[in-house]
Amino acid sequence: MGIERARALGWIASSIAQAALLSACAASPPVPLLDLPGFLERRAMCDHFRGEFPDPPDPVRMHEVEVQIDIQCRGIDEQLDALKSRYRDDPVVSRQLAQFETGLDPRPR
């Protein structure tokens, strides 16, 4: 296993653990499946595929990566904005969400 893949897998596992911790700390009522934990998992996959461009270029793998970026990153900025709004009164969750960059949605705004 390459170092980059090991780092990505470690980051995904860390994000899932953070999702569990954050959902336990949230002061809000129980949230739907695709709320905070779902966002963190999906965001980890979006970030993973953004770093997966093959070197040397392989057209088949390039297409697979682009399809996954479209699936995993589509609407991710809107979801982040909605979560920041929903948890604006929760300082723990707000700090966690503040670390994520925006501008990842493959659709033009």
Foldseek 3Di string as FASTA:
>chain_A
DDPLVVVLVVQLVVLLVVQVVVQVQAPDDDDDPCARNVLSNLVSQLVSLVPPQDVVHDVVVNVVSVVSNQVSQACSQVRLVVNCVVRVVPVVVNVVSVVDDDDSHPDDD
